[in-house]
Every structure is written in C-alpha cells, then in structure tokens.
C-alpha cells in the first residue's frame, strides 16, 4: 500500500506508536513525531523478532 504509492506518504506521530501502528509508520516515506512521543517495539523487550514489515522498512 505505502511502497506502491506514486506520491510520498507522510505519517504524523502524536502519541504512542507501537506494534502495528509503528510498523505502518516505518513503512511511510517520511515520519514526523511530536516531542516526547514514545516509539516502542515491545517484541524487542521480550527477545522476539520484529514483524516482517518493520524489518523491511528499516532496511529500505
């Protein structure tokens, strides 16, 4: 959805971004976060691997 977009996708993060919401934000072309907005990948805390979308967005 985001990668196939002909136009840049911008995501605004105003409060907690975690899990699937964070993965969606990571797949966007640009991200803007308010100061103090927590960005969390809880699976890392438990030693689990990130979901596929988060890994591919980080390596893009």
Protein backbone atom coordinates (compact mmCIF):
# COMPACT_ATOMS: atom_id res chain seq x y z
CA UNK A 1 0.00 0.00 0.00
CA UNK A 2 2.60 2.57 1.04
CA UNK A 3 5.50 1.27 -1.05
CA UNK A 4 3.39 1.19 -4.20
CA UNK A 5 2.21 4.78 -3.77
CA UNK A 6 3.04 7.19 -6.58
CA UNK A 7 3.13 10.07 -4.08
CA UNK A 8 5.22 10.33 -0.90
CA UNK A 9 3.43 9.17 2.24
CA UNK A 10 3.90 11.25 5.42
CA UNK A 11 2.98 9.93 8.87
CA UNK A 12 2.42 12.18 11.91
CA UNK A 13 3.00 10.56 15.32
CA UNK A 14 1.33 12.46 18.16
CA UNK A 15 1.27 9.86 20.93
CA UNK A 16 2.41 6.28 21.48
CA UNK A 17 3.50 4.44 18.34
CA UNK A 18 3.92 0.74 18.95
CA UNK A 19 3.34 -2.60 17.31
CA UNK A 20 1.33 -2.49 14.08
CA UNK A 21 0.92 1.29 14.17
CA UNK A 22 4.67 1.72 14.36
CA UNK A 23 5.16 -0.73 11.51
CA UNK A 24 2.82 1.35 9.38
CA UNK A 25 4.75 4.49 10.32
CA UNK A 26 8.05 2.81 9.44
CA UNK A 27 6.75 1.88 6.01
CA UNK A 28 5.97 5.54 5.17
CA UNK A 29 8.41 7.69 3.23
CA UNK A 30 8.56 10.40 5.91
CA UNK A 31 7.73 10.42 9.61
CA UNK A 32 7.16 13.44 11.88
CA UNK A 33 6.81 12.90 15.64
CA UNK A 34 5.84 15.31 18.37
CA UNK A 35 8.45 15.83 21.10
CA UNK A 36 8.16 13.13 23.73
CA UNK A 37 6.08 10.76 21.59
CA UNK A 38 7.14 7.25 22.68
CA UNK A 39 8.11 4.93 19.86
CA UNK A 40 8.11 1.33 21.07
CA UNK A 41 8.74 -2.12 19.62
CA UNK A 42 7.63 -4.28 22.58
CA UNK A 43 8.74 -7.55 20.97
CA UNK A 44 12.39 -6.45 21.28
CA UNK A 45 11.99 -6.22 25.06
CA UNK A 46 10.99 -9.89 25.14
CA UNK A 47 13.74 -11.03 22.77
CA UNK A 48 11.35 -11.68 19.89
CA UNK A 49 11.95 -10.76 16.27
CA UNK A 50 10.22 -7.77 14.75
CA UNK A 51 7.41 -8.36 12.30
CA UNK A 52 8.34 -8.56 8.65
CA UNK A 53 7.04 -5.06 7.84
CA UNK A 54 9.23 -3.44 10.49
CA UNK A 55 12.36 -5.29 9.34
CA UNK A 56 11.85 -4.47 5.67
CA UNK A 57 11.12 -0.81 6.42
CA UNK A 58 14.32 -0.48 8.43
CA UNK A 59 16.42 -1.94 5.60
CA UNK A 60 14.86 0.10 2.79
